[in-house]
């Protein structure tokens, strides 16, 4: 199988799972803190169809993976009404942190599963077993990447809600005015600037180093579970 196609087939299901759990976590924590909007709109479901954005969850990540570019994507955002939260300022911070936090937990689950499977393998893995191990590696990497990527302090990322909650109220008002420009800014930073200035890759220089560092620790956990 072509290597890039193999990579896409292993990565895209992992990305869909990571994004779906990420979004459901936002809605679940919002409900715990007083806002049942996501539940009312039937978005507290692990059914990918309720969350998948055809372009942002499937087409764009697939094209980026096949082209060798940094892979990112998004799902349909789970609706959250901060004014229905019992404490809107703290509540939005907690709701925002729930998504990345869930991805870090999922990465840990993936590492444990990888270690448990590795304990039973006595020969060089081939076929479906090799594909499964590769998929688990990607599952760990995708969840770590999604967690840290979403913690960037820029709209529309989760990190922006956390920063907004930490800022003094007046500064938070000014910061919130950046939100309508979030997606254009995202594409400029992640696609336009790296294309115009290849040496200034935001993902490669800002996000990937901590992703690689944390992924190594998850793989070390997998090795410990495997008895290596």
C-alpha atoms as a PDB file:
ATOM      1  CA  UNK A   1       0.000   0.000   0.000  1.00  0.00           C
ATOM      2  CA  UNK A   2       1.212   3.514  -0.802  1.00  0.00           C
ATOM      3  CA  UNK A   3       2.794   4.934   2.342  1.00  0.00           C
ATOM      4  CA  UNK A   4       0.891   8.240   2.296  1.00  0.00           C
ATOM      5  CA  UNK A   5      -2.425   6.415   1.786  1.00  0.00           C
ATOM      6  CA  UNK A   6      -1.533   4.023   4.630  1.00  0.00           C
ATOM      7  CA  UNK A   7      -0.815   7.056   6.830  1.00  0.00           C
ATOM      8  CA  UNK A   8      -4.112   8.718   5.927  1.00  0.00           C
ATOM      9  CA  UNK A   9      -6.119   5.524   6.586  1.00  0.00           C
ATOM     10  CA  UNK A  10      -4.476   5.127   9.989  1.00  0.00           C
ATOM     11  CA  UNK A  11      -4.678   8.796  10.969  1.00  0.00           C
ATOM     12  CA  UNK A  12      -8.145   9.947   9.882  1.00  0.00           C
ATOM     13  CA  UNK A  13     -10.159   7.512  12.102  1.00  0.00           C
ATOM     14  CA  UNK A  14      -7.913   8.490  15.024  1.00  0.00           C
ATOM     15  CA  UNK A  15      -8.545  12.165  14.279  1.00  0.00           C
ATOM     16  CA  UNK A  16     -12.319  11.646  14.080  1.00  0.00           C
ATOM     17  CA  UNK A  17     -12.383   9.826  17.444  1.00  0.00           C
ATOM     18  CA  UNK A  18     -10.179  12.452  19.067  1.00  0.00           C
ATOM     19  CA  UNK A  19     -12.302  15.340  17.785  1.00  0.00           C
ATOM     20  CA  UNK A  20     -15.635  13.707  18.710  1.00  0.00           C
ATOM     21  CA  UNK A  21     -14.558  13.001  22.304  1.00  0.00           C
ATOM     22  CA  UNK A  22     -13.059  16.505  22.495  1.00  0.00           C
ATOM     23  CA  UNK A  23     -16.364  18.130  21.516  1.00  0.00           C
ATOM     24  CA  UNK A  24     -18.538  15.901  23.697  1.00  0.00           C
ATOM     25  CA  UNK A  25     -16.315  16.736  26.677  1.00  0.00           C
ATOM     26  CA  UNK A  26     -17.028  20.444  26.153  1.00  0.00           C
ATOM     27  CA  UNK A  27     -20.774  19.847  26.165  1.00  0.00           C
ATOM     28  CA  UNK A  28     -20.710  17.407  29.094  1.00  0.00           C
ATOM     29  CA  UNK A  29     -18.774  19.798  31.358  1.00  0.00           C
ATOM     30  CA  UNK A  30     -21.026  22.673  30.280  1.00  0.00           C
ATOM     31  CA  UNK A  31     -24.043  20.629  31.367  1.00  0.00           C
ATOM     32  CA  UNK A  32     -22.422  19.836  34.724  1.00  0.00           C
ATOM     33  CA  UNK A  33     -21.855  23.573  35.225  1.00  0.00           C
ATOM     34  CA  UNK A  34     -25.405  24.602  34.391  1.00  0.00           C
ATOM     35  CA  UNK A  35     -25.677  24.910  30.608  1.00  0.00           C
ATOM     36  CA  UNK A  36     -27.709  22.058  29.020  1.00  0.00           C
ATOM     37  CA  UNK A  37     -27.643  23.582  25.495  1.00  0.00           C
ATOM     38  CA  UNK A  38     -25.572  20.766  23.968  1.00  0.00           C
ATOM     39  CA  UNK A  39     -27.799  18.141  25.587  1.00  0.00           C
ATOM     40  CA  UNK A  40     -30.943  19.903  24.352  1.00  0.00           C
ATOM     41  CA  UNK A  41     -29.563  19.853  20.801  1.00  0.00           C
ATOM     42  CA  UNK A  42     -28.617  16.144  21.099  1.00  0.00           C
ATOM     43  CA  UNK A  43     -24.901  16.835  20.777  1.00  0.00           C
ATOM     44  CA  UNK A  44     -23.836  14.814  23.829  1.00  0.00           C
ATOM     45  CA  UNK A  45     -23.463  11.788  21.587  1.00  0.00           C
ATOM     46  CA  UNK A  46     -20.428   9.787  20.490  1.00  0.00           C
ATOM     47  CA  UNK A  47     -22.074   9.256  17.100  1.00  0.00           C
ATOM     48  CA  UNK A  48     -19.542  10.904  14.726  1.00  0.00           C
ATOM     49  CA  UNK A  49     -22.303  11.914  12.307  1.00  0.00           C
ATOM     50  CA  UNK A  50     -23.576  14.436  14.857  1.00  0.00           C
ATOM     51  CA  UNK A  51     -20.167  16.107  15.104  1.00  0.00           C
ATOM     52  CA  UNK A  52     -18.292  15.565  11.849  1.00  0.00           C
ATOM     53  CA  UNK A  53     -17.822  18.557   9.590  1.00  0.00           C
ATOM     54  CA  UNK A  54     -17.272  16.951   6.151  1.00  0.00           C
ATOM     55  CA  UNK A  55     -14.608  19.467   5.170  1.00  0.00           C
ATOM     56  CA  UNK A  56     -12.941  20.172   8.518  1.00  0.00           C
ATOM     57  CA  UNK A  57     -12.939  16.616   9.887  1.00  0.00           C
ATOM     58  CA  UNK A  58     -12.377  14.490   6.773  1.00  0.00           C
ATOM     59  CA  UNK A  59     -11.472  16.304   3.548  1.00  0.00           C
ATOM     60  CA  UNK A  60      -8.973  18.888   4.839  1.00  0.00           C
ATOM     61  CA  UNK A  61      -7.058  16.516   7.192  1.00  0.00           C
ATOM     62  CA  UNK A  62      -6.911  13.922   4.408  1.00  0.00           C
ATOM     63  CA  UNK A  63      -5.545  16.413   1.878  1.00  0.00           C
ATOM     64  CA  UNK A  64      -3.011  17.740   4.380  1.00  0.00           C
ATOM     65  CA  UNK A  65      -1.861  14.214   5.286  1.00  0.00           C
ATOM     66  CA  UNK A  66      -1.487  13.215   1.636  1.00  0.00           C
ATOM     67  CA  UNK A  67       0.456  16.399   0.844  1.00  0.00           C
ATOM     68  CA  UNK A  68       2.795  16.021   3.828  1.00  0.00           C
ATOM     69  CA  UNK A  69       1.614  19.295   5.402  1.00  0.00           C
ATOM     70  CA  UNK A  70       0.820  19.669   9.131  1.00  0.00           C
ATOM     71  CA  UNK A  71      -2.509  17.928   9.744  1.00  0.00           C
ATOM     72  CA  UNK A  72      -5.267  19.757  11.579  1.00  0.00           C
ATOM     73  CA  UNK A  73      -9.036  19.786  11.467  1.00  0.00           C
ATOM     74  CA  UNK A  74     -12.202  20.588  13.341  1.00  0.00           C
ATOM     75  CA  UNK A  75     -15.688  19.313  14.061  1.00  0.00           C
ATOM     76  CA  UNK A  76     -19.003  21.128  14.341  1.00  0.00           C
ATOM     77  CA  UNK A  77     -18.549  23.069  17.579  1.00  0.00           C
ATOM     78  CA  UNK A  78     -20.692  21.857  20.462  1.00  0.00           C
ATOM     79  CA  UNK A  79     -23.012  24.758  21.382  1.00  0.00           C
ATOM     80  CA  UNK A  80     -22.257  26.384  24.724  1.00  0.00           C
ATOM     81  CA  UNK A  81     -24.164  29.370  26.118  1.00  0.00           C
ATOM     82  CA  UNK A  82     -21.927  30.917  28.717  1.00  0.00           C
ATOM     83  CA  UNK A  83     -24.789  32.955  30.182  1.00  0.00           C
ATOM     84  CA  UNK A  84     -26.531  29.733  31.213  1.00  0.00           C
ATOM     85  CA  UNK A  85     -23.461  28.638  33.178  1.00  0.00           C
ATOM     86  CA  UNK A  86     -23.699  29.188  36.910  1.00  0.00           C
ATOM     87  CA  UNK A  87     -20.373  31.053  36.842  1.00  0.00           C
ATOM     88  CA  UNK A  88     -19.800  32.198  33.236  1.00  0.00           C
ATOM     89  CA  UNK A  89     -16.190  33.306  33.719  1.00  0.00           C
ATOM     90  CA  UNK A  90     -14.968  30.161  35.466  1.00  0.00           C
ATOM     91  CA  UNK A  91     -17.395  27.965  33.552  1.00  0.00           C
ATOM     92  CA  UNK A  92     -16.045  28.901  30.120  1.00  0.00           C
ATOM     93  CA  UNK A  93     -12.487  28.190  31.316  1.00  0.00           C
ATOM     94  CA  UNK A  94     -13.519  24.753  32.605  1.00  0.00           C
ATOM     95  CA  UNK A  95     -15.519  23.950  29.461  1.00  0.00           C
ATOM     96  CA  UNK A  96     -12.581  24.975  27.273  1.00  0.00           C
ATOM     97  CA  UNK A  97     -10.075  22.927  29.303  1.00  0.00           C
ATOM     98  CA  UNK A  98     -12.300  19.828  29.153  1.00  0.00           C
ATOM     99  CA  UNK A  99     -11.575  19.189  25.473  1.00  0.00           C
ATOM    100  CA  UNK A 100      -7.760  19.143  25.633  1.00  0.00           C
ATOM    101  CA  UNK A 101      -7.902  17.357  28.984  1.00  0.00           C
ATOM    102  CA  UNK A 102     -10.001  14.573  27.445  1.00  0.00           C
ATOM    103  CA  UNK A 103      -7.527  14.212  24.580  1.00  0.00           C
ATOM    104  CA  UNK A 104      -4.654  13.766  27.043  1.00  0.00           C
ATOM    105  CA  UNK A 105      -6.646  11.052  28.854  1.00  0.00           C
ATOM    106  CA  UNK A 106      -7.362   9.340  25.513  1.00  0.00           C
ATOM    107  CA  UNK A 107      -3.659   9.428  24.666  1.00  0.00           C
ATOM    108  CA  UNK A 108      -3.014   7.632  27.954  1.00  0.00           C
ATOM    109  CA  UNK A 109      -5.643   5.002  27.128  1.00  0.00           C
ATOM    110  CA  UNK A 110      -4.036   4.531  23.702  1.00  0.00           C
ATOM    111  CA  UNK A 111      -0.607   4.113  25.297  1.00  0.00           C
ATOM    112  CA  UNK A 112      -1.888   1.449  27.690  1.00  0.00           C
ATOM    113  CA  UNK A 113      -3.610  -0.443  24.850  1.00  0.00           C
ATOM    114  CA  UNK A 114      -0.461  -0.229  22.754  1.00  0.00           C
ATOM    115  CA  UNK A 115       1.578  -1.645  25.624  1.00  0.00           C
ATOM    116  CA  UNK A 116      -0.884  -4.453  26.296  1.00  0.00           C
ATOM    117  CA  UNK A 117      -0.878  -5.517  22.643  1.00  0.00           C
ATOM    118  CA  UNK A 118       2.909  -5.284  22.456  1.00  0.00           C
ATOM    119  CA  UNK A 119       3.154  -7.707  25.407  1.00  0.00           C
ATOM    120  CA  UNK A 120       1.508 -10.413  23.304  1.00  0.00           C
ATOM    121  CA  UNK A 121       3.527  -9.876  20.107  1.00  0.00           C
ATOM    122  CA  UNK A 122       6.419 -12.320  19.734  1.00  0.00           C
ATOM    123  CA  UNK A 123       7.287 -11.725  16.057  1.00  0.00           C
ATOM    124  CA  UNK A 124       7.504  -8.848  13.625  1.00  0.00           C
ATOM    125  CA  UNK A 125       3.898  -7.576  13.259  1.00  0.00           C
ATOM    126  CA  UNK A 126       2.368  -7.778   9.789  1.00  0.00           C
ATOM    127  CA  UNK A 127      -0.979  -7.180   8.125  1.00  0.00           C
ATOM    128  CA  UNK A 128      -3.846  -6.030  10.322  1.00  0.00           C
ATOM    129  CA  UNK A 129      -1.733  -6.238  13.472  1.00  0.00           C
ATOM    130  CA  UNK A 130       0.867  -3.881  12.019  1.00  0.00           C
ATOM    131  CA  UNK A 131      -1.896  -1.533  10.872  1.00  0.00           C
ATOM    132  CA  UNK A 132      -3.490  -1.645  14.324  1.00  0.00           C
ATOM    133  CA  UNK A 133      -0.223  -0.815  16.092  1.00  0.00           C
ATOM    134  CA  UNK A 134       0.421   2.029  13.667  1.00  0.00           C
ATOM    135  CA  UNK A 135      -3.117   3.325  14.219  1.00  0.00           C
ATOM    136  CA  UNK A 136      -2.595   3.323  18.000  1.00  0.00           C
ATOM    137  CA  UNK A 137       0.646   5.245  17.579  1.00  0.00           C
ATOM    138  CA  UNK A 138      -1.211   7.806  15.483  1.00  0.00           C
ATOM    139  CA  UNK A 139      -4.054   7.846  18.027  1.00  0.00           C
ATOM    140  CA  UNK A 140      -1.596   8.865  20.745  1.00  0.00           C
ATOM    141  CA  UNK A 141       0.090  11.463  18.541  1.00  0.00           C
ATOM    142  CA  UNK A 142      -3.189  12.936  17.247  1.00  0.00           C
ATOM    143  CA  UNK A 143      -4.640  13.305  20.749  1.00  0.00           C
ATOM    144  CA  UNK A 144      -1.496  14.950  22.103  1.00  0.00           C
ATOM    145  CA  UNK A 145      -1.329  17.254  19.088  1.00  0.00           C
ATOM    146  CA  UNK A 146      -5.037  18.163  19.327  1.00  0.00           C
ATOM    147  CA  UNK A 147      -4.736  18.895  23.050  1.00  0.00           C
ATOM    148  CA  UNK A 148      -1.695  21.166  22.776  1.00  0.00           C
ATOM    149  CA  UNK A 149      -2.801  22.747  19.489  1.00  0.00           C
ATOM    150  CA  UNK A 150      -6.132  23.738  21.055  1.00  0.00           C
ATOM    151  CA  UNK A 151      -4.352  25.292  24.016  1.00  0.00           C
ATOM    152  CA  UNK A 152      -2.817  27.958  21.765  1.00  0.00           C
ATOM    153  CA  UNK A 153      -4.019  31.320  23.163  1.00  0.00           C
ATOM    154  CA  UNK A 154      -5.630  32.411  19.885  1.00  0.00           C
ATOM    155  CA  UNK A 155      -9.308  32.495  18.904  1.00  0.00           C
ATOM    156  CA  UNK A 156     -11.061  30.184  18.182  1.00  0.00           C
ATOM    157  CA  UNK A 157      -8.888  27.720  20.144  1.00  0.00           C
ATOM    158  CA  UNK A 158      -9.766  26.555  23.654  1.00  0.00           C
ATOM    159  CA  UNK A 159      -6.689  28.311  24.972  1.00  0.00           C
ATOM    160  CA  UNK A 160      -8.266  31.643  24.064  1.00  0.00           C
ATOM    161  CA  UNK A 161     -11.191  30.999  26.447  1.00  0.00           C
ATOM    162  CA  UNK A 162      -8.772  30.081  29.227  1.00  0.00           C
ATOM    163  CA  UNK A 163      -6.721  33.252  28.639  1.00  0.00           C
ATOM    164  CA  UNK A 164      -9.897  35.338  28.481  1.00  0.00           C
ATOM    165  CA  UNK A 165     -10.978  33.997  31.851  1.00  0.00           C
ATOM    166  CA  UNK A 166      -7.602  34.811  33.397  1.00  0.00           C
ATOM    167  CA  UNK A 167      -7.447  38.377  32.068  1.00  0.00           C
ATOM    168  CA  UNK A 168      -8.867  41.354  33.993  1.00  0.00           C
ATOM    169  CA  UNK A 169     -12.456  42.043  32.847  1.00  0.00           C
ATOM    170  CA  UNK A 170     -11.551  45.134  30.780  1.00  0.00           C
ATOM    171  CA  UNK A 171      -8.686  43.375  28.995  1.00  0.00           C
ATOM    172  CA  UNK A 172     -10.930  40.332  28.432  1.00  0.00           C
ATOM    173  CA  UNK A 173     -13.442  42.553  26.610  1.00  0.00           C
ATOM    174  CA  UNK A 174     -10.787  43.720  24.154  1.00  0.00           C
ATOM    175  CA  UNK A 175      -9.453  40.193  23.760  1.00  0.00           C
ATOM    176  CA  UNK A 176     -12.938  38.864  22.971  1.00  0.00           C
ATOM    177  CA  UNK A 177     -13.184  41.276  20.031  1.00  0.00           C
ATOM    178  CA  UNK A 178     -10.537  39.183  18.241  1.00  0.00           C
ATOM    179  CA  UNK A 179     -12.902  36.186  18.091  1.00  0.00           C
ATOM    180  CA  UNK A 180     -14.629  37.027  14.757  1.00  0.00           C
ATOM    181  CA  UNK A 181     -11.197  37.099  13.111  1.00  0.00           C
ATOM    182  CA  UNK A 182     -10.176  33.717  14.494  1.00  0.00           C
ATOM    183  CA  UNK A 183     -10.482  31.486  11.427  1.00  0.00           C
ATOM    184  CA  UNK A 184      -8.915  33.954   8.963  1.00  0.00           C
ATOM    185  CA  UNK A 185      -6.055  34.406  11.426  1.00  0.00           C
ATOM    186  CA  UNK A 186      -5.736  30.629  11.763  1.00  0.00           C
ATOM    187  CA  UNK A 187      -5.357  30.106   8.012  1.00  0.00           C
ATOM    188  CA  UNK A 188      -2.880  32.956   7.723  1.00  0.00           C
ATOM    189  CA  UNK A 189      -0.718  31.580  10.533  1.00  0.00           C
ATOM    190  CA  UNK A 190      -0.883  27.911   9.541  1.00  0.00           C
ATOM    191  CA  UNK A 191      -1.010  27.998   5.749  1.00  0.00           C
ATOM    192  CA  UNK A 192      -0.231  31.413   4.254  1.00  0.00           C
ATOM    193  CA  UNK A 193       2.802  32.393   6.361  1.00  0.00           C
ATOM    194  CA  UNK A 194       4.503  28.948   6.072  1.00  0.00           C
ATOM    195  CA  UNK A 195       3.940  29.068   2.299  1.00  0.00           C
ATOM    196  CA  UNK A 196       5.401  32.581   1.972  1.00  0.00           C
ATOM    197  CA  UNK A 197       8.117  32.105   4.598  1.00  0.00           C
ATOM    198  CA  UNK A 198       8.962  28.372   4.930  1.00  0.00           C
ATOM    199  CA  UNK A 199      11.291  28.981   7.870  1.00  0.00           C
ATOM    200  CA  UNK A 200       8.571  30.520  10.051  1.00  0.00           C
ATOM    201  CA  UNK A 201       6.315  27.460  10.482  1.00  0.00           C
ATOM    202  CA  UNK A 202       4.165  28.044  13.569  1.00  0.00           C
ATOM    203  CA  UNK A 203       3.297  24.373  13.924  1.00  0.00           C
ATOM    204  CA  UNK A 204       6.857  23.108  13.421  1.00  0.00           C
ATOM    205  CA  UNK A 205       8.492  25.612  15.787  1.00  0.00           C
ATOM    206  CA  UNK A 206       5.828  26.238  18.431  1.00  0.00           C
ATOM    207  CA  UNK A 207       3.534  23.193  18.617  1.00  0.00           C
ATOM    208  CA  UNK A 208       5.583  20.193  17.459  1.00  0.00           C
ATOM    209  CA  UNK A 209       8.436  20.353  20.048  1.00  0.00           C
ATOM    210  CA  UNK A 210       6.103  20.001  23.083  1.00  0.00           C
ATOM    211  CA  UNK A 211       3.976  17.461  21.148  1.00  0.00           C
ATOM    212  CA  UNK A 212       7.058  15.329  20.474  1.00  0.00           C
ATOM    213  CA  UNK A 213       8.248  15.653  24.081  1.00  0.00           C
ATOM    214  CA  UNK A 214       4.885  14.628  25.555  1.00  0.00           C
ATOM    215  CA  UNK A 215       4.360  11.863  22.989  1.00  0.00           C
ATOM    216  CA  UNK A 216       7.688  10.335  24.022  1.00  0.00           C
ATOM    217  CA  UNK A 217       6.407  10.101  27.596  1.00  0.00           C
ATOM    218  CA  UNK A 218       3.209   8.384  26.462  1.00  0.00           C
ATOM    219  CA  UNK A 219       5.265   5.926  24.411  1.00  0.00           C
ATOM    220  CA  UNK A 220       7.422   5.370  27.487  1.00  0.00           C
ATOM    221  CA  UNK A 221       4.216   4.485  29.348  1.00  0.00           C
ATOM    222  CA  UNK A 222       3.366   2.013  26.566  1.00  0.00           C
ATOM    223  CA  UNK A 223       6.834   0.508  26.905  1.00  0.00           C
ATOM    224  CA  UNK A 224       6.418   0.168  30.669  1.00  0.00           C
ATOM    225  CA  UNK A 225       3.039  -1.587  30.215  1.00  0.00           C
ATOM    226  CA  UNK A 226       4.642  -3.886  27.653  1.00  0.00           C
ATOM    227  CA  UNK A 227       7.390  -4.755  30.138  1.00  0.00           C
ATOM    228  CA  UNK A 228      10.145  -3.300  28.000  1.00  0.00           C
END
